[in-house]
């Protein structure tokens, strides 16, 4: 749980609002620092590799059968 919270914190700290047409910070559009985004993806992938959501599923088979 600490790692998940740390990843969320990383992304939130690296998120900045885009400017709206009037120059004010947008409430709907944002930018995330590319380095933070990449690090977050790597850390989440490492977590999912350690703790698969559904370890009993054969993902290779499912990708082949449904994503072909």
PDB file of N, CA and C in Angstrom:
ATOM      1  N   UNK A   1       0.825  -1.189   0.000  1.00  0.00           N
ATOM      2  CA  UNK A   1       0.000   0.000   0.000  1.00  0.00           C
ATOM      3  C   UNK A   1       0.878   1.264   0.000  1.00  0.00           C
ATOM      4  N   UNK A   2       2.005   1.196   0.678  1.00  0.00           N
ATOM      5  CA  UNK A   2       2.886   2.371   0.691  1.00  0.00           C
ATOM      6  C   UNK A   2       3.429   2.665  -0.696  1.00  0.00           C
ATOM      7  N   UNK A   3       3.752   1.617  -1.438  1.00  0.00           N
ATOM      8  CA  UNK A   3       4.258   1.817  -2.801  1.00  0.00           C
ATOM      9  C   UNK A   3       3.169   2.430  -3.685  1.00  0.00           C
ATOM     10  N   UNK A   4       1.945   1.963  -3.547  1.00  0.00           N
ATOM     11  CA  UNK A   4       0.838   2.518  -4.329  1.00  0.00           C
ATOM     12  C   UNK A   4       0.651   3.995  -3.988  1.00  0.00           C
ATOM     13  N   UNK A   5       0.655   4.322  -2.707  1.00  0.00           N
ATOM     14  CA  UNK A   5       0.520   5.716  -2.283  1.00  0.00           C
ATOM     15  C   UNK A   5       1.677   6.564  -2.800  1.00  0.00           C
ATOM     16  N   UNK A   6       2.860   5.999  -2.810  1.00  0.00           N
ATOM     17  CA  UNK A   6       4.025   6.723  -3.292  1.00  0.00           C
ATOM     18  C   UNK A   6       3.918   7.015  -4.787  1.00  0.00           C
ATOM     19  N   UNK A   7       3.423   6.062  -5.558  1.00  0.00           N
ATOM     20  CA  UNK A   7       3.248   6.262  -7.000  1.00  0.00           C
ATOM     21  C   UNK A   7       2.185   7.336  -7.247  1.00  0.00           C
ATOM     22  N   UNK A   8       1.088   7.279  -6.522  1.00  0.00           N
ATOM     23  CA  UNK A   8       0.035   8.288  -6.661  1.00  0.00           C
ATOM     24  C   UNK A   8       0.593   9.671  -6.330  1.00  0.00           C
ATOM     25  N   UNK A   9       1.352   9.769  -5.253  1.00  0.00           N
ATOM     26  CA  UNK A   9       1.953  11.039  -4.854  1.00  0.00           C
ATOM     27  C   UNK A   9       2.897  11.558  -5.935  1.00  0.00           C
ATOM     28  N   UNK A  10       3.705  10.688  -6.502  1.00  0.00           N
ATOM     29  CA  UNK A  10       4.626  11.059  -7.573  1.00  0.00           C
ATOM     30  C   UNK A  10       3.867  11.691  -8.733  1.00  0.00           C
ATOM     31  N   UNK A  11       2.796  11.041  -9.165  1.00  0.00           N
ATOM     32  CA  UNK A  11       2.029  11.537 -10.308  1.00  0.00           C
ATOM     33  C   UNK A  11       1.340  12.860  -9.969  1.00  0.00           C
ATOM     34  N   UNK A  12       0.746  12.942  -8.803  1.00  0.00           N
ATOM     35  CA  UNK A  12       0.051  14.182  -8.432  1.00  0.00           C
ATOM     36  C   UNK A  12       1.017  15.362  -8.325  1.00  0.00           C
ATOM     37  N   UNK A  13       2.193  15.129  -7.785  1.00  0.00           N
ATOM     38  CA  UNK A  13       3.174  16.205  -7.672  1.00  0.00           C
ATOM     39  C   UNK A  13       3.703  16.650  -9.030  1.00  0.00           C
ATOM     40  N   UNK A  14       3.658  15.763 -10.023  1.00  0.00           N
ATOM     41  CA  UNK A  14       4.171  16.068 -11.357  1.00  0.00           C
ATOM     42  C   UNK A  14       3.071  16.530 -12.315  1.00  0.00           C
ATOM     43  N   UNK A  15       1.882  16.758 -11.803  1.00  0.00           N
ATOM     44  CA  UNK A  15       0.745  17.165 -12.634  1.00  0.00           C
ATOM     45  C   UNK A  15       0.515  18.662 -12.510  1.00  0.00           C
ATOM     46  N   UNK A  16       0.397  19.312 -13.655  1.00  0.00           N
ATOM     47  CA  UNK A  16       0.147  20.752 -13.705  1.00  0.00           C
ATOM     48  C   UNK A  16      -1.025  21.023 -14.646  1.00  0.00           C
ATOM     49  N   UNK A  17      -1.896  21.980 -14.300  1.00  0.00           N
ATOM     50  CA  UNK A  17      -3.017  22.290 -15.192  1.00  0.00           C
ATOM     51  C   UNK A  17      -2.535  22.999 -16.456  1.00  0.00           C
ATOM     52  N   UNK A  18      -3.229  22.724 -17.557  1.00  0.00           N
ATOM     53  CA  UNK A  18      -2.973  23.493 -18.777  1.00  0.00           C
ATOM     54  C   UNK A  18      -3.663  24.842 -18.630  1.00  0.00           C
ATOM     55  N   UNK A  19      -3.290  25.780 -19.446  1.00  0.00           N
ATOM     56  CA  UNK A  19      -3.966  27.072 -19.433  1.00  0.00           C
ATOM     57  C   UNK A  19      -5.186  27.013 -20.336  1.00  0.00           C
ATOM     58  N   UNK A  20      -6.289  27.573 -19.866  1.00  0.00           N
ATOM     59  CA  UNK A  20      -7.506  27.669 -20.657  1.00  0.00           C
ATOM     60  C   UNK A  20      -7.347  28.812 -21.660  1.00  0.00           C
ATOM     61  N   UNK A  21      -8.340  28.990 -22.510  1.00  0.00           N
ATOM     62  CA  UNK A  21      -8.287  30.023 -23.544  1.00  0.00           C
ATOM     63  C   UNK A  21      -8.115  31.415 -22.948  1.00  0.00           C
ATOM     64  N   UNK A  22      -8.667  31.652 -21.766  1.00  0.00           N
ATOM     65  CA  UNK A  22      -8.552  32.973 -21.141  1.00  0.00           C
ATOM     66  C   UNK A  22      -7.262  33.137 -20.328  1.00  0.00           C
ATOM     67  N   UNK A  23      -6.404  32.122 -20.349  1.00  0.00           N
ATOM     68  CA  UNK A  23      -5.133  32.189 -19.642  1.00  0.00           C
ATOM     69  C   UNK A  23      -5.171  31.664 -18.225  1.00  0.00           C
ATOM     70  N   UNK A  24      -6.364  31.396 -17.714  1.00  0.00           N
ATOM     71  CA  UNK A  24      -6.502  30.856 -16.356  1.00  0.00           C
ATOM     72  C   UNK A  24      -6.189  29.363 -16.362  1.00  0.00           C
ATOM     73  N   UNK A  25      -5.759  28.805 -15.235  1.00  0.00           N
ATOM     74  CA  UNK A  25      -5.513  27.363 -15.176  1.00  0.00           C
ATOM     75  C   UNK A  25      -6.800  26.575 -15.458  1.00  0.00           C
ATOM     76  N   UNK A  26      -6.697  25.590 -16.314  1.00  0.00           N
ATOM     77  CA  UNK A  26      -7.847  24.754 -16.652  1.00  0.00           C
ATOM     78  C   UNK A  26      -8.208  23.841 -15.487  1.00  0.00           C
ATOM     79  N   UNK A  27      -9.485  23.560 -15.332  1.00  0.00           N
ATOM     80  CA  UNK A  27      -9.943  22.623 -14.314  1.00  0.00           C
ATOM     81  C   UNK A  27     -10.133  21.225 -14.894  1.00  0.00           C
ATOM     82  N   UNK A  28      -9.992  21.085 -16.210  1.00  0.00           N
ATOM     83  CA  UNK A  28     -10.243  19.803 -16.852  1.00  0.00           C
ATOM     84  C   UNK A  28      -9.030  19.230 -17.582  1.00  0.00           C
ATOM     85  N   UNK A  29      -8.130  20.067 -18.052  1.00  0.00           N
ATOM     86  CA  UNK A  29      -6.990  19.591 -18.841  1.00  0.00           C
ATOM     87  C   UNK A  29      -5.709  19.787 -18.042  1.00  0.00           C
ATOM     88  N   UNK A  30      -4.801  18.833 -18.199  1.00  0.00           N
ATOM     89  CA  UNK A  30      -3.589  18.851 -17.399  1.00  0.00           C
ATOM     90  C   UNK A  30      -2.426  18.242 -18.170  1.00  0.00           C
ATOM     91  N   UNK A  31      -1.231  18.445 -17.688  1.00  0.00           N
ATOM     92  CA  UNK A  31      -0.011  17.838 -18.211  1.00  0.00           C
ATOM     93  C   UNK A  31       0.687  17.129 -17.067  1.00  0.00           C
ATOM     94  N   UNK A  32       1.247  15.964 -17.379  1.00  0.00           N
ATOM     95  CA  UNK A  32       2.044  15.219 -16.406  1.00  0.00           C
ATOM     96  C   UNK A  32       3.469  15.170 -16.933  1.00  0.00           C
ATOM     97  N   UNK A  33       4.423  15.492 -16.090  1.00  0.00           N
ATOM     98  CA  UNK A  33       5.826  15.424 -16.450  1.00  0.00           C
ATOM     99  C   UNK A  33       6.130  14.041 -17.025  1.00  0.00           C
ATOM    100  N   UNK A  34       6.770  14.001 -18.203  1.00  0.00           N
ATOM    101  CA  UNK A  34       7.032  12.740 -18.901  1.00  0.00           C
ATOM    102  C   UNK A  34       7.903  11.784 -18.084  1.00  0.00           C
ATOM    103  N   UNK A  35       8.884  12.318 -17.373  1.00  0.00           N
ATOM    104  CA  UNK A  35       9.762  11.463 -16.574  1.00  0.00           C
ATOM    105  C   UNK A  35       8.988  10.809 -15.424  1.00  0.00           C
ATOM    106  N   UNK A  36       8.121  11.583 -14.786  1.00  0.00           N
ATOM    107  CA  UNK A  36       7.311  11.036 -13.685  1.00  0.00           C
ATOM    108  C   UNK A  36       6.339   9.992 -14.208  1.00  0.00           C
ATOM    109  N   UNK A  37       5.757  10.264 -15.370  1.00  0.00           N
ATOM    110  CA  UNK A  37       4.817   9.309 -15.970  1.00  0.00           C
ATOM    111  C   UNK A  37       5.520   7.989 -16.275  1.00  0.00           C
ATOM    112  N   UNK A  38       6.710   8.074 -16.839  1.00  0.00           N
ATOM    113  CA  UNK A  38       7.476   6.873 -17.167  1.00  0.00           C
ATOM    114  C   UNK A  38       7.852   6.097 -15.900  1.00  0.00           C
ATOM    115  N   UNK A  39       8.317   6.819 -14.884  1.00  0.00           N
ATOM    116  CA  UNK A  39       8.680   6.157 -13.621  1.00  0.00           C
ATOM    117  C   UNK A  39       7.466   5.489 -12.985  1.00  0.00           C
ATOM    118  N   UNK A  40       6.329   6.164 -13.009  1.00  0.00           N
ATOM    119  CA  UNK A  40       5.104   5.597 -12.432  1.00  0.00           C
ATOM    120  C   UNK A  40       4.711   4.318 -13.163  1.00  0.00           C
ATOM    121  N   UNK A  41       4.778   4.332 -14.487  1.00  0.00           N
ATOM    122  CA  UNK A  41       4.442   3.123 -15.261  1.00  0.00           C
ATOM    123  C   UNK A  41       5.357   1.952 -14.900  1.00  0.00           C
ATOM    124  N   UNK A  42       6.643   2.233 -14.788  1.00  0.00           N
ATOM    125  CA  UNK A  42       7.603   1.177 -14.433  1.00  0.00           C
ATOM    126  C   UNK A  42       7.313   0.614 -13.050  1.00  0.00           C
ATOM    127  N   UNK A  43       7.018   1.489 -12.104  1.00  0.00           N
ATOM    128  CA  UNK A  43       6.748   1.031 -10.737  1.00  0.00           C
ATOM    129  C   UNK A  43       5.449   0.243 -10.654  1.00  0.00           C
ATOM    130  N   UNK A  44       4.435   0.676 -11.388  1.00  0.00           N
ATOM    131  CA  UNK A  44       3.167  -0.066 -11.402  1.00  0.00           C
ATOM    132  C   UNK A  44       3.371  -1.421 -12.073  1.00  0.00           C
ATOM    133  N   UNK A  45       4.131  -1.451 -13.170  1.00  0.00           N
ATOM    134  CA  UNK A  45       4.402  -2.729 -13.832  1.00  0.00           C
ATOM    135  C   UNK A  45       5.130  -3.682 -12.890  1.00  0.00           C
ATOM    136  N   UNK A  46       6.096  -3.173 -12.135  1.00  0.00           N
ATOM    137  CA  UNK A  46       6.818  -4.008 -11.171  1.00  0.00           C
ATOM    138  C   UNK A  46       5.872  -4.565 -10.114  1.00  0.00           C
ATOM    139  N   UNK A  47       4.937  -3.747  -9.648  1.00  0.00           N
ATOM    140  CA  UNK A  47       3.946  -4.226  -8.673  1.00  0.00           C
ATOM    141  C   UNK A  47       3.065  -5.315  -9.269  1.00  0.00           C
ATOM    142  N   UNK A  48       2.604  -5.086 -10.494  1.00  0.00           N
ATOM    143  CA  UNK A  48       1.726  -6.081 -11.127  1.00  0.00           C
ATOM    144  C   UNK A  48       2.471  -7.371 -11.451  1.00  0.00           C
ATOM    145  N   UNK A  49       3.758  -7.269 -11.727  1.00  0.00           N
ATOM    146  CA  UNK A  49       4.551  -8.487 -11.946  1.00  0.00           C
ATOM    147  C   UNK A  49       4.681  -9.287 -10.646  1.00  0.00           C
ATOM    148  N   UNK A  50       4.812  -8.584  -9.533  1.00  0.00           N
ATOM    149  CA  UNK A  50       4.931  -9.261  -8.232  1.00  0.00           C
ATOM    150  C   UNK A  50       3.597  -9.783  -7.726  1.00  0.00           C
ATOM    151  N   UNK A  51       2.541  -9.026  -7.984  1.00  0.00           N
ATOM    152  CA  UNK A  51       1.213  -9.357  -7.463  1.00  0.00           C
ATOM    153  C   UNK A  51       0.177  -9.325  -8.584  1.00  0.00           C
ATOM    154  N   UNK A  52       0.151 -10.352  -9.448  1.00  0.00           N
ATOM    155  CA  UNK A  52      -0.813 -10.344 -10.557  1.00  0.00           C
ATOM    156  C   UNK A  52      -2.251 -10.322 -10.032  1.00  0.00           C
ATOM    157  N   UNK A  53      -3.106  -9.596 -10.745  1.00  0.00           N
ATOM    158  CA  UNK A  53      -4.491  -9.447 -10.303  1.00  0.00           C
ATOM    159  C   UNK A  53      -5.228 -10.782 -10.360  1.00  0.00           C
ATOM    160  N   UNK A  54      -5.075 -11.501 -11.467  1.00  0.00           N
ATOM    161  CA  UNK A  54      -5.716 -12.813 -11.627  1.00  0.00           C
ATOM    162  C   UNK A  54      -4.646 -13.826 -12.054  1.00  0.00           C
ATOM    163  N   UNK A  55      -3.879 -14.355 -11.110  1.00  0.00           N
ATOM    164  CA  UNK A  55      -2.766 -15.232 -11.478  1.00  0.00           C
ATOM    165  C   UNK A  55      -3.204 -16.530 -12.157  1.00  0.00           C
ATOM    166  N   UNK A  56      -4.457 -16.926 -11.972  1.00  0.00           N
ATOM    167  CA  UNK A  56      -4.924 -18.182 -12.571  1.00  0.00           C
ATOM    168  C   UNK A  56      -5.260 -18.050 -14.051  1.00  0.00           C
ATOM    169  N   UNK A  57      -5.323 -16.841 -14.582  1.00  0.00           N
ATOM    170  CA  UNK A  57      -5.641 -16.649 -15.996  1.00  0.00           C
ATOM    171  C   UNK A  57      -4.398 -16.803 -16.862  1.00  0.00           C
ATOM    172  N   UNK A  58      -4.577 -17.411 -18.019  1.00  0.00           N
ATOM    173  CA  UNK A  58      -3.511 -17.555 -18.999  1.00  0.00           C
ATOM    174  C   UNK A  58      -3.606 -16.359 -19.947  1.00  0.00           C
ATOM    175  N   UNK A  59      -2.869 -15.282 -19.637  1.00  0.00           N
ATOM    176  CA  UNK A  59      -2.971 -14.050 -20.425  1.00  0.00           C
ATOM    177  C   UNK A  59      -2.518 -14.233 -21.866  1.00  0.00           C
ATOM    178  N   UNK A  60      -1.525 -15.068 -22.091  1.00  0.00           N
ATOM    179  CA  UNK A  60      -1.077 -15.342 -23.443  1.00  0.00           C
ATOM    180  C   UNK A  60      -2.205 -15.919 -24.299  1.00  0.00           C
ATOM    181  N   UNK A  61      -2.910 -16.892 -23.741  1.00  0.00           N
ATOM    182  CA  UNK A  61      -4.044 -17.497 -24.449  1.00  0.00           C
ATOM    183  C   UNK A  61      -5.143 -16.466 -24.706  1.00  0.00           C
ATOM    184  N   UNK A  62      -5.471 -15.690 -23.705  1.00  0.00           N
ATOM    185  CA  UNK A  62      -6.549 -14.710 -23.838  1.00  0.00           C
ATOM    186  C   UNK A  62      -6.225 -13.648 -24.881  1.00  0.00           C
ATOM    187  N   UNK A  63      -4.985 -13.174 -24.906  1.00  0.00           N
ATOM    188  CA  UNK A  63      -4.584 -12.189 -25.915  1.00  0.00           C
ATOM    189  C   UNK A  63      -4.686 -12.784 -27.309  1.00  0.00           C
ATOM    190  N   UNK A  64      -4.238 -14.021 -27.441  1.00  0.00           N
ATOM    191  CA  UNK A  64      -4.276 -14.688 -28.736  1.00  0.00           C
ATOM    192  C   UNK A  64      -5.729 -14.903 -29.186  1.00  0.00           C
ATOM    193  N   UNK A  65      -6.589 -15.311 -28.281  1.00  0.00           N
ATOM    194  CA  UNK A  65      -7.967 -15.644 -28.626  1.00  0.00           C
ATOM    195  C   UNK A  65      -8.833 -14.418 -28.879  1.00  0.00           C
ATOM    196  N   UNK A  66      -8.610 -13.322 -28.153  1.00  0.00           N
ATOM    197  CA  UNK A  66      -9.522 -12.190 -28.229  1.00  0.00           C
ATOM    198  C   UNK A  66      -8.934 -10.922 -28.847  1.00  0.00           C
ATOM    199  N   UNK A  67      -7.629 -10.864 -28.999  1.00  0.00           N
ATOM    200  CA  UNK A  67      -7.015  -9.636 -29.547  1.00  0.00           C
ATOM    201  C   UNK A  67      -6.411  -9.850 -30.925  1.00  0.00           C
ATOM    202  N   UNK A  68      -6.712 -10.947 -31.514  1.00  0.00           N
ATOM    203  CA  UNK A  68      -6.122 -11.252 -32.823  1.00  0.00           C
ATOM    204  C   UNK A  68      -6.817 -10.551 -33.950  1.00  0.00           C
TER     205      UNK A  68
END
